[in-house]
């Protein structure tokens, strides 16, 4: 087990921020993870997964553990479904492709989401009408204080909108090492009614879509709207879509009759944060190398050499403008390290 020093994290976070780790270890086995957690010489550990939901605003002056556990397998097969186990270091989209190649349904709407499997439950990732909790069976996590493995079922994770117990009560206490997904092996329940999926399928003259068709449609839509982190640094959607009361939506409609809103229940609606940001004039704007994407105002980008602090300052400016204009507070979806 070789712990390195003064390692750049630029290639390990999708914003491309050139922060450095004082100490660094790539973790490739559970035994290795248990051993390093027990090292008293490094009392503080910073856990790094795929780096796709992260904004580093400073160097990390502790031991960075890059979780790179690998492996995908079927652990249960029954009539109509399978349970697939994926290790935390597996790339999320590679897992989606793996399941599609085997005819397993459930992950197709979550195609092309950046990041690794281990961080997906923390965020309860979601897209196009599907959230991780919908196909989540359980996860195994190692308790940082003891090195013991603990299993969490769906209910124990307390999933919410881009939220889980790992972002609240258990924040900083566990490292997710693997995740089990319950997927369909036949009679797939297709979800085509959200966003532009149906439109994309019609353009492709697809009347009876397969799970692969839906995945291809989602990939095309995402590529048309969202920048590739390999081409320009970003972390996908930077802000959560705020959930507001019906009265707030009605108030906004007086000035903006075409405000988009999506019913959560009879009293509350979700308003796209990207729309709010765009109305404030930020879409496509650039402040040095920190900017807002030209096609999707929900995405903040690094045009080259922006620091994490510069991107954070832009985010704070956007929050302030949205609150002043709409009396709505938008919250970051990205984990900001200050």
C-alpha atoms as a PDB file:
ATOM      1  CA  UNK A   1       0.000   0.000   0.000  1.00  0.00           C
ATOM      2  CA  UNK A   2       1.818   3.045  -1.314  1.00  0.00           C
ATOM      3  CA  UNK A   3       0.532   6.447  -0.191  1.00  0.00           C
ATOM      4  CA  UNK A   4       1.645   9.191  -2.574  1.00  0.00           C
ATOM      5  CA  UNK A   5       2.179  12.875  -1.777  1.00  0.00           C
ATOM      6  CA  UNK A   6       1.213  16.151  -3.475  1.00  0.00           C
ATOM      7  CA  UNK A   7      -0.904  14.598  -6.218  1.00  0.00           C
ATOM      8  CA  UNK A   8      -2.965  16.736  -8.620  1.00  0.00           C
ATOM      9  CA  UNK A   9      -6.686  15.902  -8.656  1.00  0.00           C
ATOM     10  CA  UNK A  10      -7.305  17.717 -11.943  1.00  0.00           C
ATOM     11  CA  UNK A  11      -8.041  14.518 -13.864  1.00  0.00           C
ATOM     12  CA  UNK A  12     -10.166  13.099 -11.045  1.00  0.00           C
ATOM     13  CA  UNK A  13     -12.865  15.788 -10.961  1.00  0.00           C
ATOM     14  CA  UNK A  14     -15.045  16.633 -13.954  1.00  0.00           C
ATOM     15  CA  UNK A  15     -14.733  20.392 -13.392  1.00  0.00           C
ATOM     16  CA  UNK A  16     -11.014  19.953 -14.095  1.00  0.00           C
ATOM     17  CA  UNK A  17      -9.992  21.977 -11.041  1.00  0.00           C
ATOM     18  CA  UNK A  18      -6.261  21.686 -10.390  1.00  0.00           C
ATOM     19  CA  UNK A  19      -6.476  21.106  -6.645  1.00  0.00           C
ATOM     20  CA  UNK A  20      -3.858  18.920  -4.982  1.00  0.00           C
ATOM     21  CA  UNK A  21      -4.038  16.117  -2.446  1.00  0.00           C
ATOM     22  CA  UNK A  22      -1.461  16.297   0.364  1.00  0.00           C
ATOM     23  CA  UNK A  23      -1.618  12.490   0.532  1.00  0.00           C
ATOM     24  CA  UNK A  24      -3.282  10.146  -1.967  1.00  0.00           C
ATOM     25  CA  UNK A  25      -4.168   6.463  -2.277  1.00  0.00           C
ATOM     26  CA  UNK A  26      -6.099   4.649  -4.988  1.00  0.00           C
ATOM     27  CA  UNK A  27      -8.202   1.990  -3.254  1.00  0.00           C
ATOM     28  CA  UNK A  28      -8.719  -1.207  -5.266  1.00  0.00           C
ATOM     29  CA  UNK A  29      -9.805  -3.760  -2.619  1.00  0.00           C
ATOM     30  CA  UNK A  30     -11.948  -3.940   0.505  1.00  0.00           C
ATOM     31  CA  UNK A  31      -9.020  -5.244   2.544  1.00  0.00           C
ATOM     32  CA  UNK A  32      -6.892  -2.303   1.435  1.00  0.00           C
ATOM     33  CA  UNK A  33      -9.701   0.084   2.383  1.00  0.00           C
ATOM     34  CA  UNK A  34     -10.030  -1.465   5.849  1.00  0.00           C
ATOM     35  CA  UNK A  35      -6.294  -1.212   6.421  1.00  0.00           C
ATOM     36  CA  UNK A  36      -5.979   2.430   5.374  1.00  0.00           C
ATOM     37  CA  UNK A  37      -8.970   3.462   7.473  1.00  0.00           C
ATOM     38  CA  UNK A  38      -7.151   2.050  10.483  1.00  0.00           C
ATOM     39  CA  UNK A  39      -3.991   4.078   9.944  1.00  0.00           C
ATOM     40  CA  UNK A  40      -3.661   6.491  12.876  1.00  0.00           C
ATOM     41  CA  UNK A  41      -1.047   8.532  11.003  1.00  0.00           C
ATOM     42  CA  UNK A  42      -3.875   9.861   8.801  1.00  0.00           C
ATOM     43  CA  UNK A  43      -6.759  10.647  11.158  1.00  0.00           C
ATOM     44  CA  UNK A  44      -8.737  12.519   8.477  1.00  0.00           C
ATOM     45  CA  UNK A  45      -9.698  10.979   5.132  1.00  0.00           C
ATOM     46  CA  UNK A  46     -11.280  12.594   2.089  1.00  0.00           C
ATOM     47  CA  UNK A  47     -13.329  10.129   0.038  1.00  0.00           C
ATOM     48  CA  UNK A  48     -13.241  10.625  -3.727  1.00  0.00           C
ATOM     49  CA  UNK A  49     -15.321   8.672  -6.233  1.00  0.00           C
ATOM     50  CA  UNK A  50     -15.832   9.676  -9.847  1.00  0.00           C
ATOM     51  CA  UNK A  51     -15.487  13.381  -9.045  1.00  0.00           C
ATOM     52  CA  UNK A  52     -18.558  14.221 -11.107  1.00  0.00           C
ATOM     53  CA  UNK A  53     -20.623  15.907  -8.404  1.00  0.00           C
ATOM     54  CA  UNK A  54     -17.829  17.866  -6.799  1.00  0.00           C
ATOM     55  CA  UNK A  55     -16.429  21.386  -6.748  1.00  0.00           C
ATOM     56  CA  UNK A  56     -12.986  21.695  -5.163  1.00  0.00           C
ATOM     57  CA  UNK A  57     -12.253  25.249  -4.011  1.00  0.00           C
ATOM     58  CA  UNK A  58      -8.966  24.440  -2.265  1.00  0.00           C
ATOM     59  CA  UNK A  59      -6.234  21.825  -1.946  1.00  0.00           C
ATOM     60  CA  UNK A  60      -7.074  18.806   0.209  1.00  0.00           C
ATOM     61  CA  UNK A  61      -4.644  18.819   3.131  1.00  0.00           C
ATOM     62  CA  UNK A  62      -5.509  15.292   4.271  1.00  0.00           C
ATOM     63  CA  UNK A  63      -5.394  11.749   2.866  1.00  0.00           C
ATOM     64  CA  UNK A  64      -7.525  11.430  -0.290  1.00  0.00           C
ATOM     65  CA  UNK A  65      -8.876   7.911  -0.850  1.00  0.00           C
ATOM     66  CA  UNK A  66      -9.862   7.394  -4.480  1.00  0.00           C
ATOM     67  CA  UNK A  67     -12.402   4.540  -4.398  1.00  0.00           C
ATOM     68  CA  UNK A  68     -11.676   2.387  -7.460  1.00  0.00           C
ATOM     69  CA  UNK A  69     -13.322  -0.928  -6.555  1.00  0.00           C
ATOM     70  CA  UNK A  70     -14.309  -2.850  -9.713  1.00  0.00           C
ATOM     71  CA  UNK A  71     -16.716  -5.610 -10.698  1.00  0.00           C
ATOM     72  CA  UNK A  72     -20.274  -6.223 -11.963  1.00  0.00           C
ATOM     73  CA  UNK A  73     -22.166  -9.479 -11.431  1.00  0.00           C
ATOM     74  CA  UNK A  74     -25.650 -10.998 -11.225  1.00  0.00           C
ATOM     75  CA  UNK A  75     -26.324 -12.122  -7.653  1.00  0.00           C
ATOM     76  CA  UNK A  76     -29.950 -13.196  -8.021  1.00  0.00           C
ATOM     77  CA  UNK A  77     -32.164 -14.350 -10.863  1.00  0.00           C
ATOM     78  CA  UNK A  78     -35.899 -14.890 -10.622  1.00  0.00           C
ATOM     79  CA  UNK A  79     -38.870 -14.889 -12.952  1.00  0.00           C
ATOM     80  CA  UNK A  80     -38.875 -11.502 -14.613  1.00  0.00           C
ATOM     81  CA  UNK A  81     -36.078  -9.808 -12.709  1.00  0.00           C
ATOM     82  CA  UNK A  82     -32.416  -9.942 -11.732  1.00  0.00           C
ATOM     83  CA  UNK A  83     -30.396  -8.351  -8.949  1.00  0.00           C
ATOM     84  CA  UNK A  84     -27.135  -6.906 -10.236  1.00  0.00           C
ATOM     85  CA  UNK A  85     -24.246  -6.048  -7.931  1.00  0.00           C
ATOM     86  CA  UNK A  86     -21.874  -3.287  -9.051  1.00  0.00           C
ATOM     87  CA  UNK A  87     -18.778  -2.220  -7.156  1.00  0.00           C
ATOM     88  CA  UNK A  88     -18.404   1.436  -6.205  1.00  0.00           C
ATOM     89  CA  UNK A  89     -15.601   2.256  -8.637  1.00  0.00           C
ATOM     90  CA  UNK A  90     -17.511   1.180 -11.747  1.00  0.00           C
ATOM     91  CA  UNK A  91     -18.383   3.986 -14.153  1.00  0.00           C
ATOM     92  CA  UNK A  92     -22.141   4.599 -14.038  1.00  0.00           C
ATOM     93  CA  UNK A  93     -22.757   4.721 -17.782  1.00  0.00           C
ATOM     94  CA  UNK A  94     -20.675   1.570 -18.286  1.00  0.00           C
ATOM     95  CA  UNK A  95     -23.044  -0.171 -15.858  1.00  0.00           C
ATOM     96  CA  UNK A  96     -26.024   1.051 -17.910  1.00  0.00           C
ATOM     97  CA  UNK A  97     -24.446  -0.318 -21.112  1.00  0.00           C
ATOM     98  CA  UNK A  98     -23.592  -3.600 -19.361  1.00  0.00           C
ATOM     99  CA  UNK A  99     -27.233  -4.055 -18.338  1.00  0.00           C
ATOM    100  CA  UNK A 100     -28.542  -3.170 -21.824  1.00  0.00           C
ATOM    101  CA  UNK A 101     -26.184  -5.678 -23.451  1.00  0.00           C
ATOM    102  CA  UNK A 102     -27.793  -8.388 -21.313  1.00  0.00           C
ATOM    103  CA  UNK A 103     -31.372  -7.229 -21.855  1.00  0.00           C
ATOM    104  CA  UNK A 104     -31.875  -5.933 -18.314  1.00  0.00           C
ATOM    105  CA  UNK A 105     -34.217  -2.962 -17.963  1.00  0.00           C
ATOM    106  CA  UNK A 106     -34.479  -0.180 -15.416  1.00  0.00           C
ATOM    107  CA  UNK A 107     -31.345   1.887 -15.964  1.00  0.00           C
ATOM    108  CA  UNK A 108     -32.014   3.097 -19.513  1.00  0.00           C
ATOM    109  CA  UNK A 109     -33.470   6.506 -18.509  1.00  0.00           C
ATOM    110  CA  UNK A 110     -30.321   7.118 -16.444  1.00  0.00           C
ATOM    111  CA  UNK A 111     -27.980   6.751 -19.418  1.00  0.00           C
ATOM    112  CA  UNK A 112     -24.927   8.993 -19.757  1.00  0.00           C
ATOM    113  CA  UNK A 113     -25.069  10.390 -16.221  1.00  0.00           C
ATOM    114  CA  UNK A 114     -21.438  11.085 -15.281  1.00  0.00           C
ATOM    115  CA  UNK A 115     -19.813   9.591 -12.201  1.00  0.00           C
ATOM    116  CA  UNK A 116     -19.332   6.241 -10.516  1.00  0.00           C
ATOM    117  CA  UNK A 117     -21.708   3.726  -8.977  1.00  0.00           C
ATOM    118  CA  UNK A 118     -20.637   4.364  -5.374  1.00  0.00           C
ATOM    119  CA  UNK A 119     -21.746   7.977  -5.310  1.00  0.00           C
ATOM    120  CA  UNK A 120     -25.063   7.391  -7.108  1.00  0.00           C
ATOM    121  CA  UNK A 121     -27.067   6.489  -3.952  1.00  0.00           C
ATOM    122  CA  UNK A 122     -25.671   9.440  -2.014  1.00  0.00           C
ATOM    123  CA  UNK A 123     -27.190  11.818  -4.522  1.00  0.00           C
ATOM    124  CA  UNK A 124     -30.169   9.602  -5.457  1.00  0.00           C
ATOM    125  CA  UNK A 125     -29.335  10.437  -9.062  1.00  0.00           C
ATOM    126  CA  UNK A 126     -32.239  10.842 -11.439  1.00  0.00           C
ATOM    127  CA  UNK A 127     -33.197  11.826 -14.974  1.00  0.00           C
ATOM    128  CA  UNK A 128     -36.164  11.655 -17.341  1.00  0.00           C
ATOM    129  CA  UNK A 129     -38.732  10.433 -14.839  1.00  0.00           C
ATOM    130  CA  UNK A 130     -36.567   7.830 -13.085  1.00  0.00           C
ATOM    131  CA  UNK A 131     -34.568   8.040  -9.870  1.00  0.00           C
ATOM    132  CA  UNK A 132     -32.009   5.628  -8.499  1.00  0.00           C
ATOM    133  CA  UNK A 133     -34.357   4.704  -5.643  1.00  0.00           C
ATOM    134  CA  UNK A 134     -36.753   3.183  -8.207  1.00  0.00           C
ATOM    135  CA  UNK A 135     -34.336   0.364  -9.054  1.00  0.00           C
ATOM    136  CA  UNK A 136     -32.227   0.336  -5.865  1.00  0.00           C
ATOM    137  CA  UNK A 137     -32.235  -2.915  -3.875  1.00  0.00           C
ATOM    138  CA  UNK A 138     -29.493  -2.281  -1.299  1.00  0.00           C
ATOM    139  CA  UNK A 139     -25.941  -1.092  -0.836  1.00  0.00           C
ATOM    140  CA  UNK A 140     -22.997  -2.173   1.261  1.00  0.00           C
ATOM    141  CA  UNK A 141     -20.967   0.518   2.994  1.00  0.00           C
ATOM    142  CA  UNK A 142     -17.881   0.479   5.176  1.00  0.00           C
ATOM    143  CA  UNK A 143     -18.077   2.431   8.412  1.00  0.00           C
ATOM    144  CA  UNK A 144     -15.112   4.775   8.462  1.00  0.00           C
ATOM    145  CA  UNK A 145     -14.674   4.662  12.249  1.00  0.00           C
ATOM    146  CA  UNK A 146     -14.600   0.849  12.537  1.00  0.00           C
ATOM    147  CA  UNK A 147     -13.937  -0.620   9.075  1.00  0.00           C
ATOM    148  CA  UNK A 148     -17.069  -2.763   9.434  1.00  0.00           C
ATOM    149  CA  UNK A 149     -19.348  -3.473   6.466  1.00  0.00           C
ATOM    150  CA  UNK A 150     -23.008  -2.516   6.873  1.00  0.00           C
ATOM    151  CA  UNK A 151     -25.906  -3.169   4.490  1.00  0.00           C
ATOM    152  CA  UNK A 152     -28.579  -0.539   3.823  1.00  0.00           C
ATOM    153  CA  UNK A 153     -31.855  -1.426   2.122  1.00  0.00           C
ATOM    154  CA  UNK A 154     -33.992   1.041   0.180  1.00  0.00           C
ATOM    155  CA  UNK A 155     -35.966   2.242   3.183  1.00  0.00           C
ATOM    156  CA  UNK A 156     -32.859   2.686   5.357  1.00  0.00           C
ATOM    157  CA  UNK A 157     -31.322   5.046   2.773  1.00  0.00           C
ATOM    158  CA  UNK A 158     -34.178   7.556   3.273  1.00  0.00           C
ATOM    159  CA  UNK A 159     -34.082   8.677  -0.335  1.00  0.00           C
ATOM    160  CA  UNK A 160     -35.445  12.097  -1.282  1.00  0.00           C
ATOM    161  CA  UNK A 161     -35.057  14.456  -4.211  1.00  0.00           C
ATOM    162  CA  UNK A 162     -31.279  14.340  -4.873  1.00  0.00           C
ATOM    163  CA  UNK A 163     -30.951  13.322  -1.261  1.00  0.00           C
ATOM    164  CA  UNK A 164     -30.281  10.353   1.016  1.00  0.00           C
ATOM    165  CA  UNK A 165     -29.242   9.509   4.558  1.00  0.00           C
ATOM    166  CA  UNK A 166     -25.620   9.635   3.351  1.00  0.00           C
ATOM    167  CA  UNK A 167     -25.964  13.385   2.787  1.00  0.00           C
ATOM    168  CA  UNK A 168     -27.520  13.962   6.196  1.00  0.00           C
ATOM    169  CA  UNK A 169     -27.425  11.730   9.293  1.00  0.00           C
ATOM    170  CA  UNK A 170     -24.635   9.506   7.926  1.00  0.00           C
ATOM    171  CA  UNK A 171     -22.657  12.175   6.082  1.00  0.00           C
ATOM    172  CA  UNK A 172     -18.939  11.448   6.379  1.00  0.00           C
ATOM    173  CA  UNK A 173     -19.549   8.227   8.321  1.00  0.00           C
ATOM    174  CA  UNK A 174     -19.640   5.574   5.593  1.00  0.00           C
ATOM    175  CA  UNK A 175     -17.985   4.688   2.280  1.00  0.00           C
ATOM    176  CA  UNK A 176     -20.302   2.903  -0.131  1.00  0.00           C
ATOM    177  CA  UNK A 177     -18.429  -0.100  -1.533  1.00  0.00           C
ATOM    178  CA  UNK A 178     -21.084  -1.751  -3.725  1.00  0.00           C
ATOM    179  CA  UNK A 179     -24.692  -1.304  -4.825  1.00  0.00           C
ATOM    180  CA  UNK A 180     -27.360  -3.887  -5.710  1.00  0.00           C
ATOM    181  CA  UNK A 181     -29.966  -3.020  -8.355  1.00  0.00           C
ATOM    182  CA  UNK A 182     -33.254  -4.832  -9.043  1.00  0.00           C
ATOM    183  CA  UNK A 183     -33.689  -4.844 -12.812  1.00  0.00           C
ATOM    184  CA  UNK A 184     -36.272  -6.401 -15.114  1.00  0.00           C
ATOM    185  CA  UNK A 185     -35.236  -9.281 -17.367  1.00  0.00           C
ATOM    186  CA  UNK A 186     -38.498  -9.295 -19.358  1.00  0.00           C
ATOM    187  CA  UNK A 187     -41.760  -7.345 -19.616  1.00  0.00           C
ATOM    188  CA  UNK A 188     -39.873  -4.120 -19.044  1.00  0.00           C
ATOM    189  CA  UNK A 189     -41.816  -1.196 -17.599  1.00  0.00           C
ATOM    190  CA  UNK A 190     -40.824   1.535 -20.032  1.00  0.00           C
ATOM    191  CA  UNK A 191     -40.865   5.188 -18.974  1.00  0.00           C
ATOM    192  CA  UNK A 192     -41.186   7.432 -22.036  1.00  0.00           C
ATOM    193  CA  UNK A 193     -43.463  10.198 -20.777  1.00  0.00           C
ATOM    194  CA  UNK A 194     -40.898  12.595 -19.333  1.00  0.00           C
ATOM    195  CA  UNK A 195     -39.096  15.389 -21.123  1.00  0.00           C
ATOM    196  CA  UNK A 196     -38.338  14.989 -24.801  1.00  0.00           C
ATOM    197  CA  UNK A 197     -38.119  11.177 -24.940  1.00  0.00           C
ATOM    198  CA  UNK A 198     -41.375  10.707 -26.868  1.00  0.00           C
ATOM    199  CA  UNK A 199     -40.427  13.457 -29.311  1.00  0.00           C
ATOM    200  CA  UNK A 200     -37.018  11.900 -29.887  1.00  0.00           C
ATOM    201  CA  UNK A 201     -38.569   8.459 -30.464  1.00  0.00           C
ATOM    202  CA  UNK A 202     -41.051   9.903 -32.980  1.00  0.00           C
ATOM    203  CA  UNK A 203     -38.211  11.591 -34.866  1.00  0.00           C
ATOM    204  CA  UNK A 204     -36.590   8.176 -35.110  1.00  0.00           C
ATOM    205  CA  UNK A 205     -39.889   6.594 -36.311  1.00  0.00           C
ATOM    206  CA  UNK A 206     -39.922   4.263 -33.306  1.00  0.00           C
ATOM    207  CA  UNK A 207     -43.438   3.224 -32.275  1.00  0.00           C
ATOM    208  CA  UNK A 208     -42.638   0.256 -30.035  1.00  0.00           C
ATOM    209  CA  UNK A 209     -39.376   1.204 -28.285  1.00  0.00           C
ATOM    210  CA  UNK A 210     -36.992  -1.209 -26.630  1.00  0.00           C
ATOM    211  CA  UNK A 211     -34.927  -0.366 -23.566  1.00  0.00           C
ATOM    212  CA  UNK A 212     -32.021   0.226 -25.950  1.00  0.00           C
ATOM    213  CA  UNK A 213     -34.136   2.673 -27.967  1.00  0.00           C
ATOM    214  CA  UNK A 214     -34.945   4.653 -24.830  1.00  0.00           C
ATOM    215  CA  UNK A 215     -31.298   4.708 -23.800  1.00  0.00           C
ATOM    216  CA  UNK A 216     -30.272   5.930 -27.259  1.00  0.00           C
ATOM    217  CA  UNK A 217     -32.939   8.644 -27.103  1.00  0.00           C
ATOM    218  CA  UNK A 218     -31.802   9.797 -23.663  1.00  0.00           C
ATOM    219  CA  UNK A 219     -28.172   9.861 -24.806  1.00  0.00           C
ATOM    220  CA  UNK A 220     -29.078  11.971 -27.838  1.00  0.00           C
ATOM    221  CA  UNK A 221     -31.094  14.413 -25.725  1.00  0.00           C
ATOM    222  CA  UNK A 222     -28.353  14.748 -23.105  1.00  0.00           C
ATOM    223  CA  UNK A 223     -25.681  15.292 -25.750  1.00  0.00           C
ATOM    224  CA  UNK A 224     -27.788  18.025 -27.372  1.00  0.00           C
ATOM    225  CA  UNK A 225     -28.239  19.877 -24.079  1.00  0.00           C
ATOM    226  CA  UNK A 226     -25.324  19.110 -21.813  1.00  0.00           C
ATOM    227  CA  UNK A 227     -21.586  19.605 -22.377  1.00  0.00           C
ATOM    228  CA  UNK A 228     -19.155  16.693 -22.330  1.00  0.00           C
ATOM    229  CA  UNK A 229     -16.826  17.031 -19.286  1.00  0.00           C
ATOM    230  CA  UNK A 230     -13.992  15.692 -21.470  1.00  0.00           C
ATOM    231  CA  UNK A 231     -14.411  18.755 -23.690  1.00  0.00           C
ATOM    232  CA  UNK A 232     -15.258  21.456 -21.144  1.00  0.00           C
ATOM    233  CA  UNK A 233     -15.085  21.151 -17.358  1.00  0.00           C
ATOM    234  CA  UNK A 234     -18.484  20.849 -15.664  1.00  0.00           C
ATOM    235  CA  UNK A 235     -20.406  18.857 -13.118  1.00  0.00           C
ATOM    236  CA  UNK A 236     -23.731  18.568 -14.928  1.00  0.00           C
ATOM    237  CA  UNK A 237     -26.645  20.243 -13.199  1.00  0.00           C
ATOM    238  CA  UNK A 238     -25.149  22.557 -10.600  1.00  0.00           C
ATOM    239  CA  UNK A 239     -28.414  23.462  -8.849  1.00  0.00           C
ATOM    240  CA  UNK A 240     -31.440  21.495  -7.711  1.00  0.00           C
ATOM    241  CA  UNK A 241     -34.808  22.359  -9.236  1.00  0.00           C
ATOM    242  CA  UNK A 242     -36.657  24.166  -6.420  1.00  0.00           C
ATOM    243  CA  UNK A 243     -39.994  22.859  -5.169  1.00  0.00           C
ATOM    244  CA  UNK A 244     -42.348  25.766  -4.432  1.00  0.00           C
ATOM    245  CA  UNK A 245     -45.966  26.261  -3.413  1.00  0.00           C
ATOM    246  CA  UNK A 246     -48.801  26.725  -5.868  1.00  0.00           C
ATOM    247  CA  UNK A 247     -49.092  30.332  -4.686  1.00  0.00           C
ATOM    248  CA  UNK A 248     -45.479  31.034  -5.690  1.00  0.00           C
ATOM    249  CA  UNK A 249     -46.080  29.614  -9.178  1.00  0.00           C
ATOM    250  CA  UNK A 250     -49.237  31.708  -9.541  1.00  0.00           C
ATOM    251  CA  UNK A 251     -47.310  34.817  -8.469  1.00  0.00           C
ATOM    252  CA  UNK A 252     -44.579  34.205 -11.028  1.00  0.00           C
ATOM    253  CA  UNK A 253     -47.148  33.538 -13.780  1.00  0.00           C
ATOM    254  CA  UNK A 254     -48.462  37.082 -13.464  1.00  0.00           C
ATOM    255  CA  UNK A 255     -45.182  38.360 -14.920  1.00  0.00           C
ATOM    256  CA  UNK A 256     -44.079  35.203 -16.746  1.00  0.00           C
ATOM    257  CA  UNK A 257     -47.208  33.428 -18.079  1.00  0.00           C
ATOM    258  CA  UNK A 258     -45.134  30.693 -19.712  1.00  0.00           C
ATOM    259  CA  UNK A 259     -43.154  29.679 -16.627  1.00  0.00           C
ATOM    260  CA  UNK A 260     -42.658  25.893 -16.766  1.00  0.00           C
ATOM    261  CA  UNK A 261     -43.743  23.968 -13.685  1.00  0.00           C
ATOM    262  CA  UNK A 262     -44.260  20.310 -12.824  1.00  0.00           C
ATOM    263  CA  UNK A 263     -46.733  19.161 -10.205  1.00  0.00           C
ATOM    264  CA  UNK A 264     -45.238  17.359  -7.212  1.00  0.00           C
ATOM    265  CA  UNK A 265     -48.590  17.145  -5.429  1.00  0.00           C
ATOM    266  CA  UNK A 266     -51.714  19.287  -5.283  1.00  0.00           C
ATOM    267  CA  UNK A 267     -49.945  21.997  -3.275  1.00  0.00           C
ATOM    268  CA  UNK A 268     -46.373  22.013  -4.598  1.00  0.00           C
ATOM    269  CA  UNK A 269     -44.668  22.338  -7.976  1.00  0.00           C
ATOM    270  CA  UNK A 270     -41.132  21.929  -9.264  1.00  0.00           C
ATOM    271  CA  UNK A 271     -39.808  24.906 -11.230  1.00  0.00           C
ATOM    272  CA  UNK A 272     -36.732  24.344 -13.437  1.00  0.00           C
ATOM    273  CA  UNK A 273     -33.739  26.130 -11.916  1.00  0.00           C
ATOM    274  CA  UNK A 274     -32.280  26.484 -15.408  1.00  0.00           C
ATOM    275  CA  UNK A 275     -35.303  28.546 -16.487  1.00  0.00           C
ATOM    276  CA  UNK A 276     -34.956  30.824 -13.443  1.00  0.00           C
ATOM    277  CA  UNK A 277     -31.255  31.331 -14.132  1.00  0.00           C
ATOM    278  CA  UNK A 278     -31.884  32.017 -17.811  1.00  0.00           C
ATOM    279  CA  UNK A 279     -34.476  34.698 -16.991  1.00  0.00           C
ATOM    280  CA  UNK A 280     -31.806  36.421 -14.907  1.00  0.00           C
ATOM    281  CA  UNK A 281     -29.621  36.709 -18.000  1.00  0.00           C
ATOM    282  CA  UNK A 282     -26.853  34.265 -17.094  1.00  0.00           C
ATOM    283  CA  UNK A 283     -27.208  31.747 -19.924  1.00  0.00           C
ATOM    284  CA  UNK A 284     -24.016  31.681 -21.977  1.00  0.00           C
ATOM    285  CA  UNK A 285     -22.350  34.355 -19.838  1.00  0.00           C
ATOM    286  CA  UNK A 286     -18.675  34.104 -18.994  1.00  0.00           C
ATOM    287  CA  UNK A 287     -16.789  35.607 -16.060  1.00  0.00           C
ATOM    288  CA  UNK A 288     -13.144  34.948 -16.814  1.00  0.00           C
ATOM    289  CA  UNK A 289     -12.862  31.179 -17.261  1.00  0.00           C
ATOM    290  CA  UNK A 290     -15.930  30.504 -15.083  1.00  0.00           C
ATOM    291  CA  UNK A 291     -19.181  30.545 -17.006  1.00  0.00           C
ATOM    292  CA  UNK A 292     -22.730  29.342 -17.623  1.00  0.00           C
ATOM    293  CA  UNK A 293     -23.274  26.915 -20.467  1.00  0.00           C
ATOM    294  CA  UNK A 294     -24.709  28.388 -23.658  1.00  0.00           C
ATOM    295  CA  UNK A 295     -27.325  25.661 -24.111  1.00  0.00           C
ATOM    296  CA  UNK A 296     -28.285  24.892 -20.508  1.00  0.00           C
ATOM    297  CA  UNK A 297     -28.219  27.574 -17.828  1.00  0.00           C
ATOM    298  CA  UNK A 298     -28.305  24.935 -15.098  1.00  0.00           C
ATOM    299  CA  UNK A 299     -24.735  23.938 -15.959  1.00  0.00           C
ATOM    300  CA  UNK A 300     -21.725  25.931 -14.772  1.00  0.00           C
ATOM    301  CA  UNK A 301     -18.558  25.380 -16.764  1.00  0.00           C
ATOM    302  CA  UNK A 302     -14.796  25.786 -16.536  1.00  0.00           C
ATOM    303  CA  UNK A 303     -13.585  27.279 -19.823  1.00  0.00           C
ATOM    304  CA  UNK A 304     -10.011  26.322 -19.037  1.00  0.00           C
ATOM    305  CA  UNK A 305      -8.249  27.638 -15.975  1.00  0.00           C
ATOM    306  CA  UNK A 306     -11.027  28.690 -13.617  1.00  0.00           C
ATOM    307  CA  UNK A 307     -10.406  28.015  -9.946  1.00  0.00           C
ATOM    308  CA  UNK A 308     -13.000  26.341  -7.795  1.00  0.00           C
ATOM    309  CA  UNK A 309     -13.375  29.591  -5.890  1.00  0.00           C
ATOM    310  CA  UNK A 310     -14.197  31.475  -9.101  1.00  0.00           C
ATOM    311  CA  UNK A 311     -16.902  28.959 -10.011  1.00  0.00           C
ATOM    312  CA  UNK A 312     -18.283  29.127  -6.469  1.00  0.00           C
ATOM    313  CA  UNK A 313     -18.421  32.938  -6.633  1.00  0.00           C
ATOM    314  CA  UNK A 314     -20.394  32.676  -9.883  1.00  0.00           C
ATOM    315  CA  UNK A 315     -22.787  30.220  -8.234  1.00  0.00           C
ATOM    316  CA  UNK A 316     -23.319  32.602  -5.314  1.00  0.00           C
ATOM    317  CA  UNK A 317     -23.971  35.466  -7.731  1.00  0.00           C
ATOM    318  CA  UNK A 318     -26.586  33.386  -9.544  1.00  0.00           C
ATOM    319  CA  UNK A 319     -28.278  32.401  -6.273  1.00  0.00           C
ATOM    320  CA  UNK A 320     -28.451  36.049  -5.231  1.00  0.00           C
ATOM    321  CA  UNK A 321     -29.974  37.204  -8.533  1.00  0.00           C
ATOM    322  CA  UNK A 322     -32.591  34.427  -8.582  1.00  0.00           C
ATOM    323  CA  UNK A 323     -33.625  35.203  -5.017  1.00  0.00           C
ATOM    324  CA  UNK A 324     -33.904  38.928  -5.736  1.00  0.00           C
ATOM    325  CA  UNK A 325     -35.985  38.470  -8.869  1.00  0.00           C
ATOM    326  CA  UNK A 326     -38.178  35.498  -7.981  1.00  0.00           C
ATOM    327  CA  UNK A 327     -37.990  35.303  -4.160  1.00  0.00           C
ATOM    328  CA  UNK A 328     -36.866  31.686  -4.605  1.00  0.00           C
ATOM    329  CA  UNK A 329     -33.728  30.151  -3.129  1.00  0.00           C
ATOM    330  CA  UNK A 330     -31.975  27.633  -5.358  1.00  0.00           C
ATOM    331  CA  UNK A 331     -29.635  25.171  -3.697  1.00  0.00           C
ATOM    332  CA  UNK A 332     -26.502  23.552  -5.141  1.00  0.00           C
ATOM    333  CA  UNK A 333     -26.779  19.939  -6.202  1.00  0.00           C
ATOM    334  CA  UNK A 334     -22.980  19.742  -6.354  1.00  0.00           C
ATOM    335  CA  UNK A 335     -20.924  18.918  -3.259  1.00  0.00           C
ATOM    336  CA  UNK A 336     -18.829  22.030  -2.641  1.00  0.00           C
ATOM    337  CA  UNK A 337     -15.556  21.553  -0.747  1.00  0.00           C
ATOM    338  CA  UNK A 338     -14.686  24.857   0.971  1.00  0.00           C
END
